[in-house]
């Protein structure tokens, strides 16, 4: 079986493409993408070529674009290209150059997919890329999902060359006398993937000449293991999770009965945006009193008596967070802890900015944590008259960034605390106070 037949068999087995419908082929001009286009075109798929110019390699970037454009012309295939200011995007988004290029590329590919009503976007990842991904995930720390390498399909993104090794691709290019361009950045080890490609994998092969072959087989085995694992998780999901119009509930007793509770919780809660550290905290609070609240970017989780209640944060709530009880602790959007203390003759009121003591009897729960609004007023500690927050900010020389990053803790209709700065005088500890609530903001 030649490489074309191998790829066609892989496409059919994984159901990546049909004979009908347009295929957008991402072509950089390098050996992998040239091979991908050559094979798909020779197999009779209706292709168009899409090329991204990230302008990261000066003259090389323009050379690559010209090369790919001429390739498309020579095969009478439609050609589309786009220019990106990748450095600016990475800086604006505060992400790495690699991540910026990835986001820009896939966002544009998806636009092309919709505008051309294409069946898929074909990308030139191959088996060696999958091995590199496995090794990178291992060093970062990963679950079983991160050990199966790169998926052949991710929505409309398909990877027909995942069945091919780099050696097979190189042999195909020589056999068919294909021309391609060399990306000089591939030899630079400032990029993480390049270090694994240029240093780690050759070292593993030096230690064990069969390392690559064994890693291919391990990925194939792990894919089967992962499929069984996923099937088990879905069975547990059916047992544990109940959905209704307002929220999702998870039965705590059924969760506790599982072999590895933390793994099960991670699988059940990660679709709602909860990360590994949050899942660990939720697990630790399964036996605690009701009322503990956790937030992801999109959802809120409340620990009730016998269940975990997960609900979506709607657009009007995204900047408002609820503290249900005096013993609640929240990690997001900032880390706040609450501790009830009996006021005795030895009791001393906090004098540091990140911690306040307030009269617990005056509080109206649930408390709210939100950003400030125009017109907000409070009575600053030690004063008797109301003051606008905008004036307080001016008097205390708040910068625009300080104001934007400021959080307000609210009791009923009253501002209780400009967090980390000043509490409201109405909630101060007095001679009549019996219980104080200590509220502390961490990492301010």
Protein backbone atom coordinates (compact mmCIF):
# COMPACT_ATOMS: atom_id res chain seq x y z
CA UNK A 1 0.00 0.00 0.00
CA UNK A 2 1.48 3.33 -1.07
CA UNK A 3 1.09 6.50 0.98
CA UNK A 4 -1.88 7.79 -1.04
CA UNK A 5 -3.76 4.55 -0.45
CA UNK A 6 -2.83 4.61 3.24
CA UNK A 7 -4.18 8.14 3.65
CA UNK A 8 -7.37 7.32 1.72
CA UNK A 9 -7.94 4.27 3.93
CA UNK A 10 -7.39 6.42 7.04
CA UNK A 11 -9.82 9.07 5.76
CA UNK A 12 -12.50 6.44 5.21
CA UNK A 13 -11.89 4.66 8.52
CA UNK A 14 -12.06 7.93 10.50
CA UNK A 15 -14.84 9.36 8.28
CA UNK A 16 -12.88 12.57 7.78
CA UNK A 17 -14.03 13.50 4.26
CA UNK A 18 -16.62 12.54 1.69
CA UNK A 19 -16.14 12.49 -2.04
CA UNK A 20 -18.42 15.51 -2.36
CA UNK A 21 -17.94 18.95 -0.90
CA UNK A 22 -15.16 21.49 -0.80
CA UNK A 23 -12.04 20.90 1.31
CA UNK A 24 -10.02 23.88 2.57
CA UNK A 25 -6.38 22.80 2.76
CA UNK A 26 -4.10 24.80 5.04
CA UNK A 27 -0.81 25.13 3.14
CA UNK A 28 2.20 26.90 4.65
CA UNK A 29 4.57 25.76 1.90
CA UNK A 30 6.49 23.36 4.13
CA UNK A 31 7.03 19.68 3.44
CA UNK A 32 4.03 18.46 5.48
CA UNK A 33 1.38 20.75 3.99
CA UNK A 34 2.72 20.28 0.45
CA UNK A 35 2.39 16.51 0.92
CA UNK A 36 -1.13 16.92 2.30
CA UNK A 37 -2.27 18.99 -0.68
CA UNK A 38 -0.56 16.68 -3.18
CA UNK A 39 -2.26 13.57 -1.78
CA UNK A 40 -5.74 15.09 -1.41
CA UNK A 41 -5.57 16.64 -4.90
CA UNK A 42 -4.37 13.37 -6.45
CA UNK A 43 -7.20 11.48 -4.70
CA UNK A 44 -9.69 13.74 -6.45
CA UNK A 45 -10.93 15.88 -3.55
CA UNK A 46 -12.24 19.33 -4.45
CA UNK A 47 -9.60 21.51 -2.78
CA UNK A 48 -8.91 25.17 -2.24
CA UNK A 49 -5.64 26.38 -0.73
CA UNK A 50 -5.57 28.71 2.31
CA UNK A 51 -2.32 30.37 3.37
CA UNK A 52 -1.61 32.51 6.45
CA UNK A 53 1.17 35.10 6.36
CA UNK A 54 2.08 35.77 9.99
CA UNK A 55 4.91 38.18 9.05
CA UNK A 56 7.24 36.66 11.62
CA UNK A 57 10.20 35.85 9.36
CA UNK A 58 10.59 39.00 7.25
CA UNK A 59 11.46 38.09 3.63
CA UNK A 60 10.81 34.39 4.24
CA UNK A 61 7.16 35.09 4.98
CA UNK A 62 6.66 36.76 1.59
CA UNK A 63 8.67 34.02 -0.14
CA UNK A 64 6.36 31.37 1.35
CA UNK A 65 3.21 33.22 0.28
CA UNK A 66 4.49 33.59 -3.31
CA UNK A 67 5.48 29.92 -3.41
CA UNK A 68 2.04 28.71 -2.28
CA UNK A 69 0.26 31.11 -4.64
CA UNK A 70 2.26 29.69 -7.57
CA UNK A 71 1.49 26.16 -6.40
CA UNK A 72 -2.23 26.92 -6.54
CA UNK A 73 -1.88 28.49 -10.01
CA UNK A 74 0.03 25.49 -11.35
CA UNK A 75 -2.80 23.18 -10.23
CA UNK A 76 -5.65 25.54 -11.19
CA UNK A 77 -6.81 25.54 -7.57
CA UNK A 78 -8.38 28.60 -5.89
CA UNK A 79 -5.97 30.41 -3.56
CA UNK A 80 -6.78 32.51 -0.49
CA UNK A 81 -4.30 34.28 1.78
CA UNK A 82 -4.42 36.62 4.74
CA UNK A 83 -1.90 38.88 6.49
CA UNK A 84 -1.60 38.97 10.28
CA UNK A 85 0.25 41.28 12.65
CA UNK A 86 0.98 38.35 14.92
CA UNK A 87 3.32 40.16 17.31
CA UNK A 88 0.73 42.87 18.00
CA UNK A 89 -2.06 40.32 18.52
CA UNK A 90 0.11 38.34 20.95
CA UNK A 91 0.95 41.50 22.87
CA UNK A 92 -2.66 42.72 22.97
CA UNK A 93 -3.97 39.33 24.11
CA UNK A 94 -1.01 38.69 26.45
CA UNK A 95 -0.35 35.26 24.95
CA UNK A 96 2.64 33.56 23.32
CA UNK A 97 3.48 33.97 19.64
CA UNK A 98 2.66 30.28 19.12
CA UNK A 99 -0.78 30.66 20.70
CA UNK A 100 -1.43 33.90 18.80
CA UNK A 101 -0.63 32.29 15.46
CA UNK A 102 -2.85 29.33 16.32
CA UNK A 103 -5.85 31.52 17.26
CA UNK A 104 -5.48 33.76 14.22
CA UNK A 105 -5.11 30.79 11.86
CA UNK A 106 -8.09 28.80 13.10
CA UNK A 107 -10.37 31.83 13.39
CA UNK A 108 -9.72 32.64 9.74
CA UNK A 109 -10.05 29.02 8.63
CA UNK A 110 -13.48 28.88 10.27
CA UNK A 111 -14.51 32.06 8.45
CA UNK A 112 -13.48 30.47 5.14
CA UNK A 113 -15.34 27.29 6.03
CA UNK A 114 -18.59 29.22 6.52
CA UNK A 115 -18.22 31.55 3.55
CA UNK A 116 -17.47 28.65 1.16
CA UNK A 117 -19.83 26.13 2.76
CA UNK A 118 -16.89 23.69 2.83
CA UNK A 119 -17.09 20.23 4.36
CA UNK A 120 -13.81 20.48 6.31
CA UNK A 121 -10.49 22.20 6.90
CA UNK A 122 -7.57 19.82 6.32
CA UNK A 123 -4.42 20.35 8.41
CA UNK A 124 -1.07 18.62 7.90
CA UNK A 125 -0.40 17.20 11.38
CA UNK A 126 1.23 13.76 11.18
CA UNK A 127 2.15 10.93 13.55
CA UNK A 128 5.37 12.58 14.78
CA UNK A 129 3.39 15.70 15.72
CA UNK A 130 1.12 13.47 17.77
CA UNK A 131 4.12 12.01 19.62
CA UNK A 132 5.44 15.51 20.35
CA UNK A 133 2.03 16.47 21.74
CA UNK A 134 2.01 13.39 23.97
CA UNK A 135 5.46 14.23 25.38
CA UNK A 136 4.60 17.91 25.89
CA UNK A 137 1.40 17.00 27.73
CA UNK A 138 3.29 14.54 29.92
CA UNK A 139 5.77 17.19 31.04
CA UNK A 140 2.97 19.67 31.76
CA UNK A 141 0.90 17.14 33.69
CA UNK A 142 -2.12 15.54 32.09
CA UNK A 143 -4.90 13.02 32.44
CA UNK A 144 -5.67 10.20 30.04
CA UNK A 145 -7.14 12.66 27.54
CA UNK A 146 -3.74 14.28 27.04
CA UNK A 147 -2.04 10.96 26.28
CA UNK A 148 -3.92 10.12 23.09
CA UNK A 149 -2.01 12.65 21.01
CA UNK A 150 -3.79 14.70 18.34
CA UNK A 151 -7.33 13.78 17.35
CA UNK A 152 -7.97 12.94 13.67
CA UNK A 153 -11.03 15.22 13.80
CA UNK A 154 -11.95 18.22 15.91
CA UNK A 155 -15.31 19.52 14.67
CA UNK A 156 -14.55 20.65 11.09
CA UNK A 157 -10.76 20.36 11.46
CA UNK A 158 -9.47 17.08 9.97
CA UNK A 159 -5.96 15.66 9.93
CA UNK A 160 -5.61 13.05 7.15
CA UNK A 161 -1.83 12.61 7.62
CA UNK A 162 -1.97 11.41 11.24
CA UNK A 163 -1.45 7.90 9.93
CA UNK A 164 1.89 8.93 8.35
CA UNK A 165 5.31 9.26 9.93
CA UNK A 166 7.69 12.09 9.08
CA UNK A 167 9.95 9.56 7.35
CA UNK A 168 7.09 8.40 5.12
CA UNK A 169 6.32 12.01 4.19
CA UNK A 170 9.96 12.70 3.33
CA UNK A 171 10.09 9.56 1.15
CA UNK A 172 6.86 10.60 -0.61
CA UNK A 173 8.28 14.02 -1.45
CA UNK A 174 11.44 12.51 -2.91
CA UNK A 175 9.49 9.90 -4.88
CA UNK A 176 7.14 12.49 -6.41
CA UNK A 177 9.83 15.19 -6.78
CA UNK A 178 7.75 17.74 -4.89
CA UNK A 179 9.15 21.17 -4.15
CA UNK A 180 8.63 22.88 -0.81
CA UNK A 181 10.09 25.73 1.26
CA UNK A 182 12.11 25.44 4.45
CA UNK A 183 10.94 27.38 7.52
CA UNK A 184 14.11 28.59 9.27
CA UNK A 185 12.20 28.92 12.57
CA UNK A 186 11.83 25.11 12.67
CA UNK A 187 15.50 24.88 13.67
CA UNK A 188 15.11 27.40 16.50
CA UNK A 189 14.65 25.88 19.92
CA UNK A 190 13.07 28.96 21.46
CA UNK A 191 9.73 27.28 20.68
CA UNK A 192 8.74 24.47 23.03
CA UNK A 193 7.60 22.06 20.31
CA UNK A 194 10.86 22.54 18.42
CA UNK A 195 12.85 21.54 21.50
CA UNK A 196 10.95 18.28 21.70
CA UNK A 197 11.33 17.74 17.95
CA UNK A 198 15.01 18.68 17.69
CA UNK A 199 16.36 17.57 21.06
CA UNK A 200 14.07 15.29 23.10
CA UNK A 201 12.90 12.86 20.38
CA UNK A 202 16.40 12.36 18.89
CA UNK A 203 17.69 11.67 22.42
CA UNK A 204 14.94 9.11 23.04
CA UNK A 205 15.75 7.46 19.71
CA UNK A 206 19.43 7.38 20.68
CA UNK A 207 18.51 5.62 23.93
CA UNK A 208 16.11 3.24 22.19
CA UNK A 209 16.11 2.99 18.41
CA UNK A 210 12.48 1.79 18.52
CA UNK A 211 11.30 4.76 20.61
CA UNK A 212 9.23 6.39 17.88
CA UNK A 213 7.61 3.13 16.79
CA UNK A 214 6.81 2.25 20.40
CA UNK A 215 5.31 5.68 21.03
CA UNK A 216 3.10 5.31 17.92
CA UNK A 217 1.84 1.98 19.29
CA UNK A 218 1.31 3.47 22.76
CA UNK A 219 -0.86 6.23 21.33
CA UNK A 220 -2.95 3.67 19.43
CA UNK A 221 -3.38 1.61 22.61
CA UNK A 222 -4.24 4.67 24.66
CA UNK A 223 -6.88 5.71 22.12
CA UNK A 224 -8.64 2.40 22.79
CA UNK A 225 -8.26 2.81 26.55
CA UNK A 226 -9.61 6.33 26.36
CA UNK A 227 -12.67 5.17 24.39
CA UNK A 228 -13.49 2.66 27.16
CA UNK A 229 -12.83 5.33 29.80
CA UNK A 230 -15.18 7.76 28.05
CA UNK A 231 -17.88 5.12 27.88
CA UNK A 232 -17.60 4.58 31.64
CA UNK A 233 -17.70 8.31 32.33
CA UNK A 234 -20.89 8.65 30.31
CA UNK A 235 -22.50 5.85 32.33
CA UNK A 236 -21.51 7.62 35.56
CA UNK A 237 -22.81 10.91 34.17
CA UNK A 238 -26.22 9.33 33.56
CA UNK A 239 -26.27 8.09 37.16
CA UNK A 240 -24.98 11.25 38.87
CA UNK A 241 -26.17 14.21 36.80
CA UNK A 242 -29.71 15.49 36.50
CA UNK A 243 -30.57 18.42 34.24
CA UNK A 244 -33.55 20.73 34.34
CA UNK A 245 -34.39 24.09 32.80
CA UNK A 246 -32.65 26.12 35.52
CA UNK A 247 -29.58 24.15 36.55
CA UNK A 248 -27.65 20.89 36.69
CA UNK A 249 -27.52 18.85 39.91
CA UNK A 250 -24.97 16.21 40.87
CA UNK A 251 -25.89 13.61 43.50
CA UNK A 252 -23.15 13.64 46.16
CA UNK A 253 -23.86 10.12 47.45
CA UNK A 254 -23.47 8.68 43.94
CA UNK A 255 -20.24 10.67 43.48
CA UNK A 256 -18.78 9.32 46.73
CA UNK A 257 -19.53 5.76 45.59
CA UNK A 258 -17.14 6.04 42.63
CA UNK A 259 -13.69 4.43 42.57
CA UNK A 260 -11.79 7.72 42.12
CA UNK A 261 -13.96 10.66 43.14
CA UNK A 262 -11.60 13.44 42.02
CA UNK A 263 -11.29 12.02 38.49
CA UNK A 264 -15.06 11.62 38.19
CA UNK A 265 -15.67 15.16 39.46
CA UNK A 266 -13.14 16.55 36.99
CA UNK A 267 -14.84 14.84 34.05
CA UNK A 268 -18.31 15.95 35.18
CA UNK A 269 -17.40 19.56 35.99
CA UNK A 270 -14.75 20.48 33.40
CA UNK A 271 -17.42 21.01 30.67
CA UNK A 272 -18.69 23.87 32.86
CA UNK A 273 -15.28 25.55 33.08
CA UNK A 274 -14.07 24.31 36.48
CA UNK A 275 -10.32 23.70 36.54
CA UNK A 276 -8.27 21.02 38.29
CA UNK A 277 -7.53 23.03 41.45
CA UNK A 278 -11.20 24.02 41.82
CA UNK A 279 -12.31 20.41 41.40
CA UNK A 280 -9.90 19.39 44.17
CA UNK A 281 -11.40 22.04 46.49
CA UNK A 282 -14.94 20.96 45.60
CA UNK A 283 -14.02 17.36 46.41
CA UNK A 284 -12.65 18.46 49.79
CA UNK A 285 -15.94 20.23 50.57
CA UNK A 286 -18.30 17.35 49.74
CA UNK A 287 -18.72 16.66 53.45
CA UNK A 288 -18.80 20.29 54.58
CA UNK A 289 -21.84 22.37 55.49
CA UNK A 290 -24.11 23.69 52.76
CA UNK A 291 -23.49 27.05 51.12
CA UNK A 292 -19.94 26.85 49.78
CA UNK A 293 -19.84 28.56 46.35
CA UNK A 294 -17.38 28.10 43.50
CA UNK A 295 -17.22 30.05 40.24
CA UNK A 296 -15.85 29.24 36.81
CA UNK A 297 -15.85 31.79 33.99
CA UNK A 298 -19.30 30.65 32.91
CA UNK A 299 -20.92 28.77 35.81
CA UNK A 300 -21.61 28.85 39.53
CA UNK A 301 -21.51 25.74 41.74
CA UNK A 302 -23.24 25.66 45.14
CA UNK A 303 -22.66 22.83 47.60
CA UNK A 304 -26.09 21.87 48.98
CA UNK A 305 -26.82 19.13 51.53
CA UNK A 306 -27.00 16.13 49.20
CA UNK A 307 -26.11 17.65 45.87
CA UNK A 308 -23.93 20.03 43.93
CA UNK A 309 -25.99 22.60 42.05
CA UNK A 310 -24.42 24.03 38.89
CA UNK A 311 -26.05 26.96 37.11
CA UNK A 312 -24.99 29.21 34.27
CA UNK A 313 -24.00 32.77 35.10
CA UNK A 314 -26.10 34.94 32.83
CA UNK A 315 -24.73 38.10 31.22
CA UNK A 316 -26.18 40.35 33.92
CA UNK A 317 -24.46 38.37 36.69
CA UNK A 318 -20.98 38.04 35.27
CA UNK A 319 -19.68 40.94 37.35
CA UNK A 320 -21.73 40.18 40.46
CA UNK A 321 -20.85 37.34 42.83
CA UNK A 322 -22.89 36.03 45.74
CA UNK A 323 -21.71 35.17 49.26
CA UNK A 324 -24.47 33.08 50.80
CA UNK A 325 -23.33 32.53 54.41
CA UNK A 326 -20.88 34.02 56.95
CA UNK A 327 -18.69 30.90 56.64
CA UNK A 328 -18.39 31.12 52.86
CA UNK A 329 -14.98 31.42 51.19
CA UNK A 330 -14.64 32.38 47.55
CA UNK A 331 -11.68 32.11 45.19
CA UNK A 332 -13.09 34.04 42.27
CA UNK A 333 -13.02 36.82 41.19
CA UNK A 334 -10.81 37.50 44.22
CA UNK A 335 -9.93 35.37 47.23
CA UNK A 336 -12.12 36.40 50.18
CA UNK A 337 -12.36 34.53 53.48
CA UNK A 338 -14.95 35.04 56.24
CA UNK A 339 -14.49 34.13 59.90
CA UNK A 340 -17.00 34.76 62.69
CA UNK A 341 -15.44 35.88 65.99
CA UNK A 342 -16.97 36.52 69.43
CA UNK A 343 -16.22 40.05 70.63
CA UNK A 344 -14.54 39.94 74.04
CA UNK A 345 -12.57 42.46 76.09
CA UNK A 346 -9.36 41.19 74.44
CA UNK A 347 -10.74 41.61 70.92
CA UNK A 348 -8.83 44.05 68.69
CA UNK A 349 -10.17 45.54 65.49
CA UNK A 350 -8.02 45.03 62.40
CA UNK A 351 -5.84 47.94 61.40
CA UNK A 352 -4.59 46.52 58.08
CA UNK A 353 -6.18 47.30 54.70
CA UNK A 354 -6.65 43.73 53.57
CA UNK A 355 -8.73 42.75 56.62
CA UNK A 356 -11.80 44.27 58.30
CA UNK A 357 -13.98 43.42 61.29
CA UNK A 358 -17.66 44.29 61.01
CA UNK A 359 -20.66 43.88 63.31
CA UNK A 360 -22.10 40.53 62.25
CA UNK A 361 -25.62 41.41 63.46
CA UNK A 362 -25.88 44.26 60.97
CA UNK A 363 -25.11 42.21 57.88
CA UNK A 364 -27.75 41.22 55.36
CA UNK A 365 -26.99 37.97 53.56
CA UNK A 366 -26.40 37.10 50.84
CA UNK A 367 -23.61 39.63 50.41
CA UNK A 368 -22.77 40.75 46.89
CA UNK A 369 -19.36 41.34 45.36
CA UNK A 370 -19.39 43.57 42.29
CA UNK A 371 -17.66 46.35 40.44
CA UNK A 372 -18.42 49.98 41.31
CA UNK A 373 -21.15 52.01 39.61
CA UNK A 374 -21.54 55.73 39.01
CA UNK A 375 -23.55 57.20 41.87
CA UNK A 376 -22.34 54.66 44.46
CA UNK A 377 -22.04 56.17 47.94
CA UNK A 378 -20.88 54.98 51.36
CA UNK A 379 -19.96 56.40 54.76
CA UNK A 380 -16.19 55.99 55.08
CA UNK A 381 -14.96 54.49 58.35
CA UNK A 382 -14.52 57.24 60.96
CA UNK A 383 -16.89 59.66 59.19
CA UNK A 384 -20.61 60.47 59.55
CA UNK A 385 -21.51 61.80 56.10
CA UNK A 386 -21.98 59.90 52.87
CA UNK A 387 -19.32 60.18 50.22
CA UNK A 388 -19.47 59.31 46.55
CA UNK A 389 -17.09 56.55 45.53
CA UNK A 390 -15.97 58.71 42.61
CA UNK A 391 -14.86 61.40 45.11
CA UNK A 392 -13.20 58.78 47.32
CA UNK A 393 -11.23 57.57 44.29
CA UNK A 394 -10.11 61.12 43.47
CA UNK A 395 -9.09 61.87 47.07
CA UNK A 396 -7.09 58.65 47.25
CA UNK A 397 -5.48 59.17 43.84
CA UNK A 398 -6.93 56.03 42.22
CA UNK A 399 -5.71 55.54 38.66
CA UNK A 400 -8.12 54.44 35.94
CA UNK A 401 -6.73 50.90 36.30
CA UNK A 402 -7.20 51.05 40.10
CA UNK A 403 -10.87 51.94 39.64
CA UNK A 404 -11.43 49.27 37.00
CA UNK A 405 -9.87 46.60 39.24
CA UNK A 406 -11.70 47.70 42.38
CA UNK A 407 -14.27 45.36 43.96
CA UNK A 408 -17.19 46.47 46.14
CA UNK A 409 -18.70 44.27 48.88
CA UNK A 410 -22.39 45.03 49.43
CA UNK A 411 -24.72 44.20 52.34
CA UNK A 412 -28.36 44.71 51.42
CA UNK A 413 -28.36 48.12 49.70
CA UNK A 414 -25.26 49.37 51.56
CA UNK A 415 -21.67 49.33 50.44
CA UNK A 416 -19.92 47.42 53.20
CA UNK A 417 -16.33 47.60 51.97
CA UNK A 418 -14.28 49.01 49.14
CA UNK A 419 -12.26 45.81 49.21
CA UNK A 420 -8.71 46.36 50.36
CA UNK A 421 -9.27 50.09 50.96
CA UNK A 422 -12.05 51.34 53.29
CA UNK A 423 -15.08 49.89 55.06
CA UNK A 424 -18.39 51.62 55.82
CA UNK A 425 -18.62 53.28 59.23
CA UNK A 426 -22.14 51.92 59.86
CA UNK A 427 -20.78 48.39 60.19
CA UNK A 428 -17.97 49.19 62.65
CA UNK A 429 -17.54 47.25 65.88
CA UNK A 430 -19.07 49.11 68.86
CA UNK A 431 -19.45 48.45 72.58
CA UNK A 432 -22.78 46.79 71.81
CA UNK A 433 -21.33 44.38 69.27
CA UNK A 434 -21.38 40.74 70.34
CA UNK A 435 -20.08 39.01 67.22
CA UNK A 436 -17.70 40.24 64.57
CA UNK A 437 -17.24 38.92 61.07
CA UNK A 438 -13.64 39.05 59.93
CA UNK A 439 -13.42 39.53 56.19
CA UNK A 440 -10.02 39.17 54.59
CA UNK A 441 -8.85 39.60 51.03
CA UNK A 442 -5.81 37.54 50.09
CA UNK A 443 -2.99 38.38 47.66
CA UNK A 444 -3.95 42.04 47.44
